[in-house]
Protein backbone atom coordinates (compact mmCIF):
# COMPACT_ATOMS: atom_id res chain seq x y z
CA MET A 1 0.00 0.00 0.00
CA ASP A 2 1.29 3.47 -0.85
CA VAL A 3 -0.01 7.05 -0.91
CA TYR A 4 -0.61 6.84 -4.66
CA GLN A 5 -3.09 3.97 -4.15
CA LEU A 6 -4.83 5.95 -1.42
CA GLU A 7 -5.15 8.96 -3.74
CA LEU A 8 -6.77 6.75 -6.40
CA PHE A 9 -9.05 5.27 -3.77
CA LEU A 10 -10.18 8.76 -2.65
CA ALA A 11 -10.77 9.77 -6.27
CA VAL A 12 -13.18 6.85 -6.62
CA MET A 13 -14.84 7.68 -3.29
CA ASN A 14 -15.48 11.23 -4.50
CA SER A 15 -16.74 10.33 -7.99
CA PRO A 16 -20.08 8.97 -9.19
CA SER A 17 -18.43 6.23 -11.24
CA MET A 18 -15.16 4.46 -11.96
CA THR A 19 -15.03 6.12 -15.37
CA ARG A 20 -15.31 9.62 -13.92
CA ALA A 21 -12.69 8.82 -11.28
CA ALA A 22 -10.29 7.51 -13.95
CA GLU A 23 -10.73 10.72 -15.95
CA LYS A 24 -9.76 12.79 -12.91
CA VAL A 25 -6.46 10.92 -12.43
CA TYR A 26 -5.71 10.53 -16.17
CA LEU A 27 -5.77 6.72 -16.11
CA SER A 28 -7.92 4.08 -17.72
CA PRO A 29 -10.80 2.60 -15.67
CA GLY A 30 -9.03 -0.76 -15.84
CA ALA A 31 -5.82 0.66 -14.31
CA VAL A 32 -7.74 2.27 -11.46
CA SER A 33 -9.76 -0.92 -10.87
CA LEU A 34 -6.53 -2.95 -10.66
CA GLN A 35 -5.05 -0.60 -8.05
CA LEU A 36 -8.24 -0.81 -5.97
CA ARG A 37 -8.21 -4.63 -6.09
CA ASN A 38 -4.56 -4.64 -4.98
CA LEU A 39 -5.39 -2.28 -2.12
CA ALA A 40 -8.37 -4.40 -1.03
CA ASP A 41 -6.30 -7.59 -1.18
CA GLU A 42 -3.54 -6.03 0.96
CA LEU A 43 -6.08 -4.88 3.55
CA HIS A 44 -8.00 -8.17 3.39
CA THR A 45 -11.31 -6.35 3.09
CA GLU A 46 -13.94 -5.44 0.54
CA LEU A 47 -13.98 -1.75 -0.33
CA PHE A 48 -16.76 -1.42 -2.91
CA VAL A 49 -19.83 -3.35 -4.06
CA ARG A 50 -21.58 -2.83 -7.38
CA ASN A 51 -25.12 -1.64 -7.75
CA GLY A 52 -25.66 -1.58 -11.49
CA LYS A 53 -23.04 0.78 -12.85
CA ARG A 54 -22.47 2.43 -9.48
CA LEU A 55 -19.83 1.55 -6.91
CA ILE A 56 -21.12 1.59 -3.34
CA PRO A 57 -18.42 2.03 -0.65
CA THR A 58 -18.51 -0.46 2.20
CA PRO A 59 -18.24 0.57 5.88
CA ALA A 60 -14.57 -0.46 5.66
CA ALA A 61 -14.08 1.95 2.76
CA VAL A 62 -15.63 4.78 4.79
CA ARG A 63 -13.20 4.09 7.67
CA LEU A 64 -10.27 3.88 5.25
CA ALA A 65 -11.25 7.18 3.62
CA GLU A 66 -10.76 9.04 6.92
CA ARG A 67 -7.25 7.60 7.35
CA ALA A 68 -6.44 8.10 3.65
CA LYS A 69 -7.38 11.79 3.78
CA ALA A 70 -4.99 12.30 6.69
CA MET A 71 -2.18 10.47 4.87
CA VAL A 72 -2.64 12.43 1.64
CA SER A 73 -2.83 15.70 3.56
CA LEU A 74 0.42 14.86 5.38
CA LYS A 75 2.08 14.06 2.06
CA ASP A 76 1.03 17.45 0.70
CA GLN A 77 2.36 19.20 3.80
CA ILE A 78 5.72 17.43 3.47
CA ARG A 79 5.93 18.31 -0.20
CA GLN A 80 5.15 21.96 0.54
CA GLU A 81 7.71 22.08 3.37
CA PHE A 82 10.46 20.89 1.03
CA GLU A 83 9.20 22.77 -2.02
CA ASN A 84 12.08 24.00 -4.18
CA ASP A 85 10.05 26.30 -6.39
CA ILE A 86 10.78 29.98 -5.64
CA THR A 87 7.13 30.99 -6.08
CA LYS A 88 5.90 28.24 -3.73
CA ASP A 89 8.74 28.17 -1.19
CA THR A 90 7.17 29.29 2.11
CA ARG A 91 9.94 28.14 4.44
CA ALA A 92 11.73 30.82 6.47
CA PHE A 93 14.88 32.07 4.74
CA HIS A 94 17.74 32.74 7.16
CA PHE A 95 20.35 35.32 6.18
CA ALA A 96 23.33 36.20 8.41
CA THR A 97 25.50 39.31 8.20
CA GLY A 98 27.82 41.46 10.27
CA VAL A 99 26.35 44.51 11.97
CA THR A 100 28.58 47.03 10.15
CA THR A 101 27.59 45.76 6.72
CA LEU A 102 23.94 45.62 7.78
CA ILE A 103 23.93 49.23 8.97
CA TYR A 104 25.89 50.84 6.17
CA GLN A 105 25.28 48.74 3.07
CA LEU A 106 22.28 46.44 3.35
CA GLY A 107 19.41 48.84 4.05
CA LYS A 108 18.35 49.40 0.45
CA PRO A 109 19.20 45.84 -0.79
CA LEU A 110 17.09 44.27 1.98
CA ARG A 111 14.15 46.53 1.14
CA GLN A 112 14.47 45.50 -2.50
CA LEU A 113 14.63 41.82 -1.56
CA ARG A 114 11.37 42.09 0.38
CA LYS A 115 9.70 43.60 -2.70
CA GLN A 116 11.26 41.07 -5.06
CA TYR A 117 10.28 38.06 -2.91
CA PRO A 118 6.98 39.11 -1.24
CA ASN A 119 6.06 35.53 -0.30
CA ALA A 120 9.42 34.72 1.30
CA GLU A 121 9.76 34.98 5.07
CA ILE A 122 13.24 36.54 5.20
CA ARG A 123 14.87 36.49 8.65
CA VAL A 124 18.13 38.36 9.30
CA THR A 125 20.61 37.37 12.00
CA VAL A 126 23.48 39.65 13.01
CA SER A 127 26.63 37.65 13.67
CA VAL A 128 30.38 37.78 13.16
CA THR A 129 31.96 35.85 10.30
CA GLU A 130 33.04 32.92 12.47
CA GLU A 131 29.50 32.39 13.80
CA THR A 132 28.04 32.78 10.33
CA ILE A 133 30.31 30.06 8.91
CA ALA A 134 29.38 27.72 11.75
CA GLY A 135 25.69 28.49 11.18
CA LEU A 136 25.98 27.70 7.47
CA HIS A 137 27.58 24.35 8.18
CA ASN A 138 24.91 23.30 10.70
CA ARG A 139 22.17 24.64 8.37
CA ARG A 140 20.91 27.39 10.70
CA PHE A 141 21.57 29.89 7.89
CA ASP A 142 20.78 29.61 4.19
CA LEU A 143 23.11 32.43 3.15
CA GLY A 144 25.73 34.53 4.89
CA LEU A 145 27.68 37.70 4.17
CA VAL A 146 31.21 37.19 5.49
CA SER A 147 34.69 38.69 5.50
CA LEU A 148 37.33 36.73 3.63
CA PRO A 149 39.42 34.71 4.08
CA VAL A 150 37.38 31.84 5.51
CA PRO A 151 37.82 28.05 5.27
CA GLU A 152 36.12 27.20 1.98
CA GLU A 153 35.63 23.47 2.51
CA ASN A 154 32.06 22.55 1.53
CA LEU A 155 31.22 26.23 0.95
CA ARG A 156 30.42 28.15 -2.19
CA ILE A 157 32.03 31.60 -1.94
CA MET A 158 30.77 34.53 -4.06
CA PRO A 159 33.05 37.62 -3.67
CA LEU A 160 31.22 40.95 -3.69
CA PHE A 161 33.60 43.87 -3.22
CA GLU A 162 36.65 45.05 -1.29
CA GLU A 163 36.78 47.85 1.26
CA GLU A 164 39.77 49.48 2.89
CA LEU A 165 40.47 49.45 6.62
CA LEU A 166 41.60 52.84 7.93
CA ILE A 167 43.43 54.01 11.04
CA LEU A 168 41.36 56.09 13.48
CA ARG A 169 42.88 58.57 15.95
CA PRO A 170 40.71 60.45 18.45
CA SER A 171 40.23 64.20 18.08
CA ALA A 172 39.30 66.68 20.80
CA LYS A 173 37.41 68.75 18.23
CA LYS A 174 34.72 67.88 15.73
CA VAL A 175 36.05 66.66 12.39
CA HIS A 176 33.88 67.39 9.35
CA GLY A 177 34.84 64.58 6.99
CA GLY A 178 37.74 65.51 4.76
CA PRO A 179 40.38 63.43 2.98
CA VAL A 180 42.18 60.47 4.51
CA GLY A 181 45.53 61.53 5.89
CA SER A 182 48.87 59.73 5.86
CA ILE A 183 50.71 58.51 8.94
CA ARG A 184 54.01 56.77 9.65
CA PRO A 185 54.22 53.45 11.51
CA ALA A 186 56.47 55.11 14.08
CA ASP A 187 53.64 57.50 15.01
CA LEU A 188 51.56 54.51 16.15
CA ALA A 189 54.23 52.55 18.00
CA ARG A 190 53.16 53.67 21.51
CA ALA A 191 49.53 54.51 20.85
CA PRO A 192 46.81 52.63 22.76
CA PHE A 193 44.51 50.60 20.49
CA ILE A 194 40.96 49.31 20.69
CA LEU A 195 40.66 46.32 18.33
CA TYR A 196 38.39 43.42 17.45
CA PRO A 197 38.75 40.26 19.59
CA LYS A 198 41.68 37.95 18.94
CA HIS A 199 41.16 35.15 16.41
CA SER A 200 38.35 37.04 14.62
CA VAL A 201 38.89 37.36 10.87
CA LEU A 202 39.41 41.14 11.00
CA ARG A 203 41.74 40.97 14.01
CA VAL A 204 43.92 38.36 12.32
CA MET A 205 44.18 40.62 9.25
CA ILE A 206 44.97 43.70 11.36
CA ASP A 207 47.60 41.88 13.47
CA ARG A 208 49.27 40.60 10.31
CA PHE A 209 49.26 44.11 8.84
CA PHE A 210 50.86 45.64 11.93
CA LYS A 211 53.47 42.89 11.97
CA ASP A 212 54.31 43.61 8.34
CA ILE A 213 54.89 47.31 9.06
CA GLY A 214 56.99 46.49 12.11
CA ILE A 215 54.89 47.63 15.07
CA THR A 216 53.18 45.84 17.94
CA PRO A 217 50.05 47.77 18.93
CA ASP A 218 49.31 48.34 22.61
CA VAL A 219 45.82 46.82 22.78
CA VAL A 220 44.02 48.27 25.80
CA MET A 221 40.49 47.11 24.90
CA GLU A 222 38.72 44.66 22.62
CA ALA A 223 35.18 44.76 21.23
CA ASP A 224 33.41 42.84 18.46
CA ASP A 225 31.05 45.71 17.59
CA THR A 226 32.34 48.34 15.14
CA GLU A 227 29.99 51.03 16.43
CA ALA A 228 31.16 50.44 20.00
CA ILE A 229 34.80 50.74 18.93
CA LYS A 230 34.04 54.01 17.11
CA ARG A 231 32.43 55.50 20.20
CA LEU A 232 35.37 54.46 22.37
CA VAL A 233 37.79 56.10 19.93
CA GLU A 234 35.69 59.28 19.91
CA SER A 235 35.75 59.24 23.71
CA GLY A 236 39.54 59.31 23.62
CA PHE A 237 40.30 55.80 24.84
CA GLY A 238 42.63 54.97 21.94
CA CYS A 239 43.13 54.43 18.23
CA SER A 240 41.65 51.70 16.08
CA MET A 241 41.45 50.30 12.57
CA LEU A 242 37.99 49.95 11.05
CA PRO A 243 36.29 49.36 7.66
CA GLU A 244 35.87 52.53 5.57
CA HIS A 245 32.10 52.10 5.09
CA ALA A 246 31.58 52.56 8.83
CA LEU A 247 33.44 55.90 8.80
CA ARG A 248 31.37 57.99 6.40
CA GLN A 249 29.49 60.09 8.90
CA ARG A 250 29.91 63.80 8.24
CA THR A 251 30.75 64.87 11.78
CA ARG A 252 32.90 62.83 14.15
CA PHE A 253 35.54 63.08 16.82
CA PHE A 254 38.32 61.20 15.05
CA HIS A 255 40.71 61.57 12.13
CA THR A 256 41.25 58.83 9.54
CA TYR A 257 44.62 57.80 8.17
CA ARG A 258 46.34 55.19 6.08
CA ILE A 259 49.95 54.10 6.50
CA ASN A 260 52.31 55.76 4.04
CA GLY A 261 52.45 53.54 0.96
CA ARG A 262 50.47 50.70 2.56
CA ARG A 263 46.82 49.76 2.36
CA LEU A 264 44.84 47.04 4.09
CA GLY A 265 41.63 45.85 2.46
CA ARG A 266 39.10 43.19 3.27
CA THR A 267 36.92 41.32 0.79
CA LEU A 268 33.26 40.79 1.58
CA ALA A 269 31.54 37.78 0.07
CA LEU A 270 28.36 35.74 0.14
CA ALA A 271 28.70 32.17 1.35
CA MET A 272 26.39 29.17 1.15
CA VAL A 273 26.85 25.45 1.71
CA ARG A 274 27.51 23.32 -1.36
CA ALA A 275 24.68 20.84 -1.87
CA ASP A 276 23.45 18.36 -4.45
CA TYR A 277 20.03 20.01 -4.32
CA PRO A 278 20.59 23.70 -3.47
CA ARG A 279 17.57 25.69 -2.46
CA LYS A 280 16.49 27.73 -5.48
CA LEU A 281 15.42 30.64 -3.30
CA THR A 282 18.94 30.80 -1.85
CA LEU A 283 20.50 30.85 -5.31
CA SER A 284 18.09 33.54 -6.49
CA ILE A 285 18.60 35.81 -3.46
CA ALA A 286 22.38 35.37 -3.71
CA ASP A 287 22.26 36.39 -7.37
CA SER A 288 20.14 39.45 -6.54
CA LEU A 289 22.48 40.56 -3.75
CA GLN A 290 25.51 40.11 -6.00
CA LYS A 291 23.96 42.48 -8.53
CA MET A 292 22.85 45.02 -5.92
CA LEU A 293 26.18 45.04 -4.06
CA ALA A 294 28.48 44.98 -7.09
CA PRO A 295 31.06 47.84 -6.96
CA GLU A 296 29.67 49.53 -10.08
CA THR A 297 26.13 49.38 -8.68
CA GLN A 298 27.23 51.01 -5.43
CA SER A 299 29.11 53.72 -7.33
CA LYS A 300 26.01 54.60 -9.37
CA SER A 301 23.92 54.64 -6.20
CA ARG A 302 26.27 57.12 -4.50
CA ILE A 303 26.33 59.34 -7.60
CA ALA A 304 22.54 59.34 -7.78
């Protein structure tokens, strides 16, 4: 006995004749009759009796119909839950991103995604790259926006754009934007620094950069939130090194610099788990975000 037989059985229960039931399921009356006989034999019961050309369901058939309806309904629910058609996919879509990127670059793209996929239940989780990668592997997230480099085993990585990391030094007076200045490594040798936690992707990059220019920063505080680090710098607790997109406010209490002749950039990318049957909604949203966050798209947006 299988669900297909039960569906044929219900078609006969809900039709005035075998012929009409066969038309509904696009089979011949003989094929439907054979399936019903097989089902009756397996259940060791009689399901229908003939009254002229009509089929009369037995009490056993009435009892079976109640169970069959529940089975067919469950099958439909399972099929819907695992639906891989973008227009019919009603499962929650989980997207993870860092807070800095969310604040400064994802506002408009996320609004566009909600318009483009009105039936999708898009849920956004704020997390650091390391947590996002772990969440992708254990399937908590469908798609993540991460900072490279990351271990790429079993992941599909889709680079988006690169942004520079700049040195911040506190200022006692308000700074109204202006160009990025230049600074020598020696000017930072004894400065206190507020940096991201050790072993985070950005901290590893920053530590390697400082090592390459020959200084060991005096780290007096650590924080994993870019906005918190900015406020601590503005309060005079020390210097830092942060992504350029988080530093575009017009008025602030810090100056921005880059090391003479040296630049440090990070690459942001979308990441998803490699799978034999990737979720089509994930692929479609990833493609949309790639187009919206492409460097040329962002340039046009700023010009407009």
